[in-house]
PDB file of N, CA and C in Angstrom:
ATOM      1  N   MET A   1      95.377 112.053  89.198  1.00  0.00           N
ATOM      2  CA  MET A   1      95.307 113.224  90.085  1.00  0.00           C
ATOM      3  C   MET A   1      95.611 112.725  91.398  1.00  0.00           C
ATOM      4  N   TYR A   2      96.671 113.833  92.309  1.00  0.00           N
ATOM      5  CA  TYR A   2      96.825 113.118  93.903  1.00  0.00           C
ATOM      6  C   TYR A   2      96.575 114.469  94.469  1.00  0.00           C
ATOM      7  N   GLY A   3      96.476 114.161  95.904  1.00  0.00           N
ATOM      8  CA  GLY A   3      96.427 115.479  96.813  1.00  0.00           C
ATOM      9  C   GLY A   3      97.111 115.092  98.119  1.00  0.00           C
ATOM     10  N   VAL A   4      97.386 116.175  99.141  1.00  0.00           N
ATOM     11  CA  VAL A   4      97.871 116.052 100.343  1.00  0.00           C
ATOM     12  C   VAL A   4      96.541 116.460 101.292  1.00  0.00           C
ATOM     13  N   VAL A   5      95.970 115.536 101.995  1.00  0.00           N
ATOM     14  CA  VAL A   5      94.852 116.006 102.755  1.00  0.00           C
ATOM     15  C   VAL A   5      95.003 115.960 104.372  1.00  0.00           C
ATOM     16  N   GLU A   6      94.785 116.718 105.196  1.00  0.00           N
ATOM     17  CA  GLU A   6      94.773 116.657 106.584  1.00  0.00           C
ATOM     18  C   GLU A   6      93.464 116.229 107.317  1.00  0.00           C
ATOM     19  N   ILE A   7      93.631 115.132 107.942  1.00  0.00           N
ATOM     20  CA  ILE A   7      92.727 114.142 108.572  1.00  0.00           C
ATOM     21  C   ILE A   7      92.934 113.982 109.938  1.00  0.00           C
ATOM     22  N   GLN A   8      92.329 114.694 110.873  1.00  0.00           N
ATOM     23  CA  GLN A   8      92.769 114.883 112.176  1.00  0.00           C
ATOM     24  C   GLN A   8      94.052 115.144 112.773  1.00  0.00           C
ATOM     25  N   GLY A   9      94.329 115.970 111.994  1.00  0.00           N
ATOM     26  CA  GLY A   9      95.715 116.430 112.473  1.00  0.00           C
ATOM     27  C   GLY A   9      96.835 115.865 111.862  1.00  0.00           C
ATOM     28  N   HIS A  10      96.560 114.915 110.915  1.00  0.00           N
ATOM     29  CA  HIS A  10      97.793 114.090 110.206  1.00  0.00           C
ATOM     30  C   HIS A  10      97.696 114.262 108.789  1.00  0.00           C
ATOM     31  N   GLN A  11      98.767 114.479 108.101  1.00  0.00           N
ATOM     32  CA  GLN A  11      98.934 114.815 106.436  1.00  0.00           C
ATOM     33  C   GLN A  11      98.909 113.310 105.843  1.00  0.00           C
ATOM     34  N   TYR A  12      98.090 113.112 104.913  1.00  0.00           N
ATOM     35  CA  TYR A  12      98.385 111.845 104.003  1.00  0.00           C
ATOM     36  C   TYR A  12      98.265 112.338 102.449  1.00  0.00           C
ATOM     37  N   ARG A  13      99.246 111.510 101.790  1.00  0.00           N
ATOM     38  CA  ARG A  13      99.179 111.682 100.336  1.00  0.00           C
ATOM     39  C   ARG A  13      98.349 110.626  99.958  1.00  0.00           C
ATOM     40  N   VAL A  14      97.039 111.171  99.015  1.00  0.00           N
ATOM     41  CA  VAL A  14      96.194 110.233  98.678  1.00  0.00           C
ATOM     42  C   VAL A  14      95.973 110.161  97.136  1.00  0.00           C
ATOM     43  N   GLU A  15      95.819 109.363  96.399  1.00  0.00           N
ATOM     44  CA  GLU A  15      95.156 109.090  94.871  1.00  0.00           C
ATOM     45  C   GLU A  15      93.897 108.361  95.022  1.00  0.00           C
ATOM     46  N   ALA A  16      93.096 108.477  93.864  1.00  0.00           N
ATOM     47  CA  ALA A  16      91.792 107.595  93.747  1.00  0.00           C
ATOM     48  C   ALA A  16      92.208 106.263  93.793  1.00  0.00           C
ATOM     49  N   GLY A  17      91.383 105.304  94.344  1.00  0.00           N
ATOM     50  CA  GLY A  17      91.538 103.896  94.372  1.00  0.00           C
ATOM     51  C   GLY A  17      92.454 103.492  95.757  1.00  0.00           C
ATOM     52  N   MET A  18      93.005 104.253  96.201  1.00  0.00           N
ATOM     53  CA  MET A  18      94.154 104.024  97.369  1.00  0.00           C
ATOM     54  C   MET A  18      93.192 103.460  98.649  1.00  0.00           C
ATOM     55  N   THR A  19      93.819 102.887  99.522  1.00  0.00           N
ATOM     56  CA  THR A  19      92.996 102.682 100.852  1.00  0.00           C
ATOM     57  C   THR A  19      94.131 103.227 101.857  1.00  0.00           C
ATOM     58  N   ILE A  20      93.951 103.661 102.802  1.00  0.00           N
ATOM     59  CA  ILE A  20      94.781 104.083 103.943  1.00  0.00           C
ATOM     60  C   ILE A  20      94.061 104.126 105.238  1.00  0.00           C
ATOM     61  N   ASP A  21      94.956 103.990 106.278  1.00  0.00           N
ATOM     62  CA  ASP A  21      94.354 103.687 107.761  1.00  0.00           C
ATOM     63  C   ASP A  21      94.763 105.027 108.320  1.00  0.00           C
ATOM     64  N   VAL A  22      93.731 105.690 109.025  1.00  0.00           N
ATOM     65  CA  VAL A  22      93.687 106.813 109.800  1.00  0.00           C
ATOM     66  C   VAL A  22      93.157 106.686 111.057  1.00  0.00           C
ATOM     67  N   GLN A  23      93.513 107.814 112.121  1.00  0.00           N
ATOM     68  CA  GLN A  23      92.912 107.488 113.411  1.00  0.00           C
ATOM     69  C   GLN A  23      91.369 107.248 113.437  1.00  0.00           C
ATOM     70  N   LYS A  24      90.711 106.768 114.323  1.00  0.00           N
ATOM     71  CA  LYS A  24      89.573 106.261 114.344  1.00  0.00           C
ATOM     72  C   LYS A  24      88.502 107.486 113.957  1.00  0.00           C
ATOM     73  N   LEU A  25      87.480 107.332 113.135  1.00  0.00           N
ATOM     74  CA  LEU A  25      86.363 108.346 112.729  1.00  0.00           C
ATOM     75  C   LEU A  25      85.081 107.856 113.383  1.00  0.00           C
ATOM     76  N   ASP A  26      84.437 108.732 113.758  1.00  0.00           N
ATOM     77  CA  ASP A  26      82.999 108.349 114.163  1.00  0.00           C
ATOM     78  C   ASP A  26      81.850 108.060 113.016  1.00  0.00           C
ATOM     79  N   GLN A  27      82.175 107.522 111.918  1.00  0.00           N
ATOM     80  CA  GLN A  27      81.401 107.111 110.804  1.00  0.00           C
ATOM     81  C   GLN A  27      81.070 105.752 110.757  1.00  0.00           C
ATOM     82  N   GLU A  28      80.114 105.193 110.218  1.00  0.00           N
ATOM     83  CA  GLU A  28      79.604 103.955 110.075  1.00  0.00           C
ATOM     84  C   GLU A  28      80.311 103.497 109.116  1.00  0.00           C
ATOM     85  N   ALA A  29      80.681 102.074 108.989  1.00  0.00           N
ATOM     86  CA  ALA A  29      81.460 101.440 107.977  1.00  0.00           C
ATOM     87  C   ALA A  29      80.488 101.355 106.814  1.00  0.00           C
ATOM     88  N   GLY A  30      80.933 101.646 105.466  1.00  0.00           N
ATOM     89  CA  GLY A  30      80.227 101.625 104.526  1.00  0.00           C
ATOM     90  C   GLY A  30      79.507 103.243 104.043  1.00  0.00           C
ATOM     91  N   SER A  31      79.850 104.028 104.965  1.00  0.00           N
ATOM     92  CA  SER A  31      79.199 105.512 104.423  1.00  0.00           C
ATOM     93  C   SER A  31      80.580 106.314 103.730  1.00  0.00           C
ATOM     94  N   THR A  32      79.920 107.211 103.145  1.00  0.00           N
ATOM     95  CA  THR A  32      80.912 108.018 102.532  1.00  0.00           C
ATOM     96  C   THR A  32      81.485 109.210 103.236  1.00  0.00           C
ATOM     97  N   VAL A  33      82.477 109.878 103.265  1.00  0.00           N
ATOM     98  CA  VAL A  33      83.006 111.048 104.022  1.00  0.00           C
ATOM     99  C   VAL A  33      83.611 112.083 103.007  1.00  0.00           C
ATOM    100  N   GLU A  34      83.441 113.116 103.119  1.00  0.00           N
ATOM    101  CA  GLU A  34      84.182 114.260 102.591  1.00  0.00           C
ATOM    102  C   GLU A  34      85.179 115.096 103.334  1.00  0.00           C
ATOM    103  N   PHE A  35      86.620 115.197 102.944  1.00  0.00           N
ATOM    104  CA  PHE A  35      87.416 115.902 103.631  1.00  0.00           C
ATOM    105  C   PHE A  35      87.673 117.310 102.744  1.00  0.00           C
ATOM    106  N   ASP A  36      87.657 118.423 103.244  1.00  0.00           N
ATOM    107  CA  ASP A  36      88.024 119.597 102.657  1.00  0.00           C
ATOM    108  C   ASP A  36      88.942 120.487 102.959  1.00  0.00           C
ATOM    109  N   LYS A  37      90.015 119.865 103.751  1.00  0.00           N
ATOM    110  CA  LYS A  37      91.120 120.494 104.118  1.00  0.00           C
ATOM    111  C   LYS A  37      92.156 119.895 103.205  1.00  0.00           C
ATOM    112  N   VAL A  38      92.436 120.206 101.984  1.00  0.00           N
ATOM    113  CA  VAL A  38      93.353 119.853 100.958  1.00  0.00           C
ATOM    114  C   VAL A  38      94.295 120.733 100.932  1.00  0.00           C
ATOM    115  N   LEU A  39      95.361 120.239 101.251  1.00  0.00           N
ATOM    116  CA  LEU A  39      96.720 121.279 101.060  1.00  0.00           C
ATOM    117  C   LEU A  39      97.397 121.340  99.999  1.00  0.00           C
ATOM    118  N   PHE A  40      97.473 120.267  99.112  1.00  0.00           N
ATOM    119  CA  PHE A  40      98.044 120.243  97.930  1.00  0.00           C
ATOM    120  C   PHE A  40      97.425 119.453  96.865  1.00  0.00           C
ATOM    121  N   VAL A  41      97.212 119.873  95.629  1.00  0.00           N
ATOM    122  CA  VAL A  41      96.673 119.102  94.708  1.00  0.00           C
ATOM    123  C   VAL A  41      97.740 119.214  93.473  1.00  0.00           C
ATOM    124  N   GLY A  42      98.135 117.756  93.168  1.00  0.00           N
ATOM    125  CA  GLY A  42      99.036 117.502  92.248  1.00  0.00           C
ATOM    126  C   GLY A  42      98.248 116.996  90.769  1.00  0.00           C
ATOM    127  N   GLY A  43      99.164 116.975  89.705  1.00  0.00           N
ATOM    128  CA  GLY A  43      98.728 116.369  88.620  1.00  0.00           C
ATOM    129  C   GLY A  43      99.303 117.188  87.192  1.00  0.00           C
ATOM    130  N   GLU A  44      98.682 117.454  86.226  1.00  0.00           N
ATOM    131  CA  GLU A  44      99.135 118.175  85.181  1.00  0.00           C
ATOM    132  C   GLU A  44      99.352 119.693  85.794  1.00  0.00           C
ATOM    133  N   SER A  45      98.376 120.413  86.500  1.00  0.00           N
ATOM    134  CA  SER A  45      98.672 121.683  87.179  1.00  0.00           C
ATOM    135  C   SER A  45      98.793 121.314  88.622  1.00  0.00           C
ATOM    136  N   ALA A  46      99.878 121.852  89.287  1.00  0.00           N
ATOM    137  CA  ALA A  46      99.619 121.543  90.578  1.00  0.00           C
ATOM    138  C   ALA A  46      99.158 122.847  91.415  1.00  0.00           C
ATOM    139  N   LYS A  47      98.443 122.603  92.561  1.00  0.00           N
ATOM    140  CA  LYS A  47      97.948 123.785  93.120  1.00  0.00           C
ATOM    141  C   LYS A  47      98.162 123.643  94.544  1.00  0.00           C
ATOM    142  N   VAL A  48      98.842 124.538  95.312  1.00  0.00           N
ATOM    143  CA  VAL A  48      99.417 124.900  96.502  1.00  0.00           C
ATOM    144  C   VAL A  48      98.340 125.549  97.425  1.00  0.00           C
ATOM    145  N   GLY A  49      97.966 125.086  98.400  1.00  0.00           N
ATOM    146  CA  GLY A  49      96.986 126.036  99.334  1.00  0.00           C
ATOM    147  C   GLY A  49      97.883 126.931 100.079  1.00  0.00           C
ATOM    148  N   ALA A  50      97.036 127.850 100.659  1.00  0.00           N
ATOM    149  CA  ALA A  50      97.387 129.024 101.615  1.00  0.00           C
ATOM    150  C   ALA A  50      96.504 129.016 102.572  1.00  0.00           C
ATOM    151  N   PRO A  51      96.090 128.329 103.555  1.00  0.00           N
ATOM    152  CA  PRO A  51      96.847 126.939 103.998  1.00  0.00           C
ATOM    153  C   PRO A  51      95.908 125.925 103.144  1.00  0.00           C
ATOM    154  N   THR A  52      94.799 126.192 102.840  1.00  0.00           N
ATOM    155  CA  THR A  52      94.248 124.947 102.036  1.00  0.00           C
ATOM    156  C   THR A  52      93.700 125.406 100.614  1.00  0.00           C
ATOM    157  N   VAL A  53      93.545 124.331  99.631  1.00  0.00           N
ATOM    158  CA  VAL A  53      93.276 124.712  98.121  1.00  0.00           C
ATOM    159  C   VAL A  53      91.846 125.094  98.246  1.00  0.00           C
ATOM    160  N   ALA A  54      91.356 126.103  97.741  1.00  0.00           N
ATOM    161  CA  ALA A  54      89.782 126.699  97.660  1.00  0.00           C
ATOM    162  C   ALA A  54      88.994 125.602  96.579  1.00  0.00           C
ATOM    163  N   GLY A  55      88.102 125.206  97.318  1.00  0.00           N
ATOM    164  CA  GLY A  55      87.079 124.218  96.394  1.00  0.00           C
ATOM    165  C   GLY A  55      87.389 122.766  96.020  1.00  0.00           C
ATOM    166  N   ALA A  56      88.714 122.447  96.830  1.00  0.00           N
ATOM    167  CA  ALA A  56      89.297 121.078  96.556  1.00  0.00           C
ATOM    168  C   ALA A  56      88.641 120.342  97.819  1.00  0.00           C
ATOM    169  N   LYS A  57      88.483 119.005  97.307  1.00  0.00           N
ATOM    170  CA  LYS A  57      87.778 118.066  98.348  1.00  0.00           C
ATOM    171  C   LYS A  57      88.131 116.664  97.979  1.00  0.00           C
ATOM    172  N   VAL A  58      88.415 115.874  99.109  1.00  0.00           N
ATOM    173  CA  VAL A  58      88.563 114.269  98.834  1.00  0.00           C
ATOM    174  C   VAL A  58      87.479 113.468  99.269  1.00  0.00           C
ATOM    175  N   VAL A  59      86.973 112.568  98.397  1.00  0.00           N
ATOM    176  CA  VAL A  59      85.697 112.027  98.824  1.00  0.00           C
ATOM    177  C   VAL A  59      86.364 110.511  99.235  1.00  0.00           C
ATOM    178  N   ALA A  60      85.943 109.524 100.084  1.00  0.00           N
ATOM    179  CA  ALA A  60      86.487 108.743 100.652  1.00  0.00           C
ATOM    180  C   ALA A  60      85.145 107.893 101.283  1.00  0.00           C
ATOM    181  N   GLU A  61      85.379 106.485 101.185  1.00  0.00           N
ATOM    182  CA  GLU A  61      84.389 105.417 101.822  1.00  0.00           C
ATOM    183  C   GLU A  61      85.002 104.820 102.904  1.00  0.00           C
ATOM    184  N   VAL A  62      84.206 104.769 104.191  1.00  0.00           N
ATOM    185  CA  VAL A  62      84.775 103.995 105.236  1.00  0.00           C
ATOM    186  C   VAL A  62      84.519 102.449 105.120  1.00  0.00           C
ATOM    187  N   VAL A  63      85.859 101.719 104.781  1.00  0.00           N
ATOM    188  CA  VAL A  63      85.889 100.341 104.711  1.00  0.00           C
ATOM    189  C   VAL A  63      85.398  99.569 105.942  1.00  0.00           C
ATOM    190  N   ARG A  64      86.338  99.808 107.122  1.00  0.00           N
ATOM    191  CA  ARG A  64      86.024  99.057 108.398  1.00  0.00           C
ATOM    192  C   ARG A  64      86.799  99.917 109.457  1.00  0.00           C
ATOM    193  N   HIS A  65      86.569  99.341 110.676  1.00  0.00           N
ATOM    194  CA  HIS A  65      87.090  99.732 112.013  1.00  0.00           C
ATOM    195  C   HIS A  65      87.815  98.779 112.580  1.00  0.00           C
ATOM    196  N   ASP A  66      88.973  99.243 112.904  1.00  0.00           N
ATOM    197  CA  ASP A  66      89.825  97.685 113.675  1.00  0.00           C
ATOM    198  C   ASP A  66      90.831  98.317 114.500  1.00  0.00           C
ATOM    199  N   ARG A  67      91.386  97.543 115.328  1.00  0.00           N
ATOM    200  CA  ARG A  67      92.714  97.678 116.272  1.00  0.00           C
ATOM    201  C   ARG A  67      93.952  97.087 115.746  1.00  0.00           C
ATOM    202  N   SER A  68      95.032  98.082 115.869  1.00  0.00           N
ATOM    203  CA  SER A  68      96.457  97.362 115.122  1.00  0.00           C
ATOM    204  C   SER A  68      96.666  96.481 116.266  1.00  0.00           C
ATOM    205  N   ARG A  69      98.265  95.947 115.884  1.00  0.00           N
ATOM    206  CA  ARG A  69      98.815  94.896 116.421  1.00  0.00           C
ATOM    207  C   ARG A  69      99.045  95.545 117.804  1.00  0.00           C
ATOM    208  N   LYS A  70      99.447  94.685 118.976  1.00  0.00           N
ATOM    209  CA  LYS A  70      99.478  94.958 120.115  1.00  0.00           C
ATOM    210  C   LYS A  70     100.943  95.517 120.281  1.00  0.00           C
ATOM    211  N   VAL A  71     101.247  96.675 120.895  1.00  0.00           N
ATOM    212  CA  VAL A  71     102.803  97.156 121.402  1.00  0.00           C
ATOM    213  C   VAL A  71     103.043  96.785 122.583  1.00  0.00           C
ATOM    214  N   ILE A  72     103.937  96.027 123.075  1.00  0.00           N
ATOM    215  CA  ILE A  72     104.507  95.671 124.485  1.00  0.00           C
ATOM    216  C   ILE A  72     105.312  96.718 125.056  1.00  0.00           C
ATOM    217  N   VAL A  73     105.156  97.376 125.859  1.00  0.00           N
ATOM    218  CA  VAL A  73     106.049  98.526 126.735  1.00  0.00           C
ATOM    219  C   VAL A  73     106.437  97.947 127.860  1.00  0.00           C
ATOM    220  N   PHE A  74     107.853  97.576 128.147  1.00  0.00           N
ATOM    221  CA  PHE A  74     108.543  97.098 129.023  1.00  0.00           C
ATOM    222  C   PHE A  74     109.438  97.899 129.706  1.00  0.00           C
ATOM    223  N   LYS A  75     109.253  98.253 131.234  1.00  0.00           N
ATOM    224  CA  LYS A  75     110.227  99.250 131.867  1.00  0.00           C
ATOM    225  C   LYS A  75     110.791  98.399 132.825  1.00  0.00           C
ATOM    226  N   ARG A  76     112.196  98.716 132.851  1.00  0.00           N
ATOM    227  CA  ARG A  76     112.735  98.031 134.017  1.00  0.00           C
ATOM    228  C   ARG A  76     114.034  98.691 134.415  1.00  0.00           C
ATOM    229  N   LYS A  77     114.436  98.709 135.643  1.00  0.00           N
ATOM    230  CA  LYS A  77     115.202  99.470 136.240  1.00  0.00           C
ATOM    231  C   LYS A  77     116.137  98.489 137.216  1.00  0.00           C
ATOM    232  N   PRO A  78     117.329  98.663 137.539  1.00  0.00           N
ATOM    233  CA  PRO A  78     117.877  97.951 138.756  1.00  0.00           C
ATOM    234  C   PRO A  78     117.259  97.883 139.779  1.00  0.00           C
ATOM    235  N   GLY A  79     117.315  96.658 140.404  1.00  0.00           N
ATOM    236  CA  GLY A  79     116.470  96.214 141.886  1.00  0.00           C
ATOM    237  C   GLY A  79     115.264  95.583 141.268  1.00  0.00           C
ATOM    238  N   LYS A  80     114.026  95.859 141.881  1.00  0.00           N
ATOM    239  CA  LYS A  80     112.763  95.083 141.596  1.00  0.00           C
ATOM    240  C   LYS A  80     111.892  95.752 140.904  1.00  0.00           C
ATOM    241  N   TYR A  81     112.106  96.977 140.063  1.00  0.00           N
ATOM    242  CA  TYR A  81     111.114  97.511 139.587  1.00  0.00           C
ATOM    243  C   TYR A  81     111.099  97.102 138.026  1.00  0.00           C
ATOM    244  N   GLN A  82     109.924  96.370 137.823  1.00  0.00           N
ATOM    245  CA  GLN A  82     109.417  95.912 136.429  1.00  0.00           C
ATOM    246  C   GLN A  82     108.091  96.492 136.078  1.00  0.00           C
ATOM    247  N   LYS A  83     107.888  96.967 135.148  1.00  0.00           N
ATOM    248  CA  LYS A  83     106.306  97.243 134.591  1.00  0.00           C
ATOM    249  C   LYS A  83     106.139  96.910 133.152  1.00  0.00           C
ATOM    250  N   LYS A  84     105.078  96.143 132.950  1.00  0.00           N
ATOM    251  CA  LYS A  84     104.790  95.499 131.541  1.00  0.00           C
ATOM    252  C   LYS A  84     103.558  95.928 131.166  1.00  0.00           C
ATOM    253  N   ASN A  85     103.227  96.646 130.091  1.00  0.00           N
ATOM    254  CA  ASN A  85     102.109  97.206 129.633  1.00  0.00           C
ATOM    255  C   ASN A  85     101.980  97.064 128.051  1.00  0.00           C
ATOM    256  N   GLY A  86     100.587  97.153 127.610  1.00  0.00           N
ATOM    257  CA  GLY A  86     100.293  96.666 126.111  1.00  0.00           C
ATOM    258  C   GLY A  86      99.479  97.804 125.683  1.00  0.00           C
ATOM    259  N   HIS A  87      99.455  98.122 124.435  1.00  0.00           N
ATOM    260  CA  HIS A  87      98.488  99.205 123.724  1.00  0.00           C
ATOM    261  C   HIS A  87      98.031  98.752 122.368  1.00  0.00           C
ATOM    262  N   ARG A  88      96.654  98.839 122.094  1.00  0.00           N
ATOM    263  CA  ARG A  88      96.534  98.534 120.709  1.00  0.00           C
ATOM    264  C   ARG A  88      95.810  99.905 120.152  1.00  0.00           C
ATOM    265  N   GLN A  89      96.028 100.540 119.207  1.00  0.00           N
ATOM    266  CA  GLN A  89      95.561 101.831 118.607  1.00  0.00           C
ATOM    267  C   GLN A  89      94.339 101.250 117.749  1.00  0.00           C
ATOM    268  N   HIS A  90      93.195 102.124 118.128  1.00  0.00           N
ATOM    269  CA  HIS A  90      92.275 101.833 116.833  1.00  0.00           C
ATOM    270  C   HIS A  90      92.159 102.577 115.801  1.00  0.00           C
ATOM    271  N   PHE A  91      91.801 102.246 114.668  1.00  0.00           N
ATOM    272  CA  PHE A  91      91.928 103.180 113.186  1.00  0.00           C
ATOM    273  C   PHE A  91      90.574 102.478 112.361  1.00  0.00           C
ATOM    274  N   THR A  92      90.737 103.405 111.427  1.00  0.00           N
ATOM    275  CA  THR A  92      89.572 103.298 110.546  1.00  0.00           C
ATOM    276  C   THR A  92      90.302 103.351 109.203  1.00  0.00           C
ATOM    277  N   THR A  93      89.974 102.180 108.258  1.00  0.00           N
ATOM    278  CA  THR A  93      90.447 102.017 106.976  1.00  0.00           C
ATOM    279  C   THR A  93      89.381 102.591 105.953  1.00  0.00           C
ATOM    280  N   LEU A  94      90.233 103.666 105.087  1.00  0.00           N
ATOM    281  CA  LEU A  94      89.301 104.496 104.039  1.00  0.00           C
ATOM    282  C   LEU A  94      89.634 104.129 102.708  1.00  0.00           C
ATOM    283  N   LYS A  95      88.820 103.996 101.797  1.00  0.00           N
ATOM    284  CA  LYS A  95      89.096 103.932 100.386  1.00  0.00           C
ATOM    285  C   LYS A  95      88.901 105.189  99.649  1.00  0.00           C
ATOM    286  N   ILE A  96      89.848 105.724  99.025  1.00  0.00           N
ATOM    287  CA  ILE A  96      89.789 107.033  98.609  1.00  0.00           C
ATOM    288  C   ILE A  96      88.809 106.942  97.034  1.00  0.00           C
ATOM    289  N   LYS A  97      87.836 107.484  96.955  1.00  0.00           N
ATOM    290  CA  LYS A  97      86.857 107.479  95.658  1.00  0.00           C
ATOM    291  C   LYS A  97      87.416 108.610  94.762  1.00  0.00           C
ATOM    292  N   GLU A  98      87.815 109.772  95.021  1.00  0.00           N
ATOM    293  CA  GLU A  98      88.162 110.830  94.123  1.00  0.00           C
ATOM    294  C   GLU A  98      88.665 111.849  94.838  1.00  0.00           C
ATOM    295  N   VAL A  99      89.631 112.433  94.289  1.00  0.00           N
ATOM    296  CA  VAL A  99      90.176 113.842  94.479  1.00  0.00           C
ATOM    297  C   VAL A  99      89.797 114.958  93.534  1.00  0.00           C
ATOM    298  N   LYS A 100      88.912 116.012  94.067  1.00  0.00           N
ATOM    299  CA  LYS A 100      88.374 116.883  93.227  1.00  0.00           C
ATOM    300  C   LYS A 100      89.086 118.149  93.600  1.00  0.00           C
ATOM    301  N   ALA A 101      89.718 118.795  92.362  1.00  0.00           N
ATOM    302  CA  ALA A 101      90.570 120.020  92.460  1.00  0.00           C
ATOM    303  C   ALA A 101      89.814 121.345  92.442  1.00  0.00           C
TER     304      ALA A 101
END
């Protein structure tokens, strides 16, 4: 069974046993998190939410918090204007335990 869940404004297709990276959550590593904004549940019988599926939820475990690879932003125009900037986005890794319909 799989589902489409909304986590902090982003939609993810999840299945049990899967690991996903989402925007940083305020949960401790090792804790369990439940998401109830399930938009779609698929499997033997598909359920489409309007806007969410009633009674469905996704249970996940917080594995770790980390920062992604650095992205270099370099702006240049003719003349002497040059600007170099870097950015590292924070993220949380989740391990999906189960999808309840």
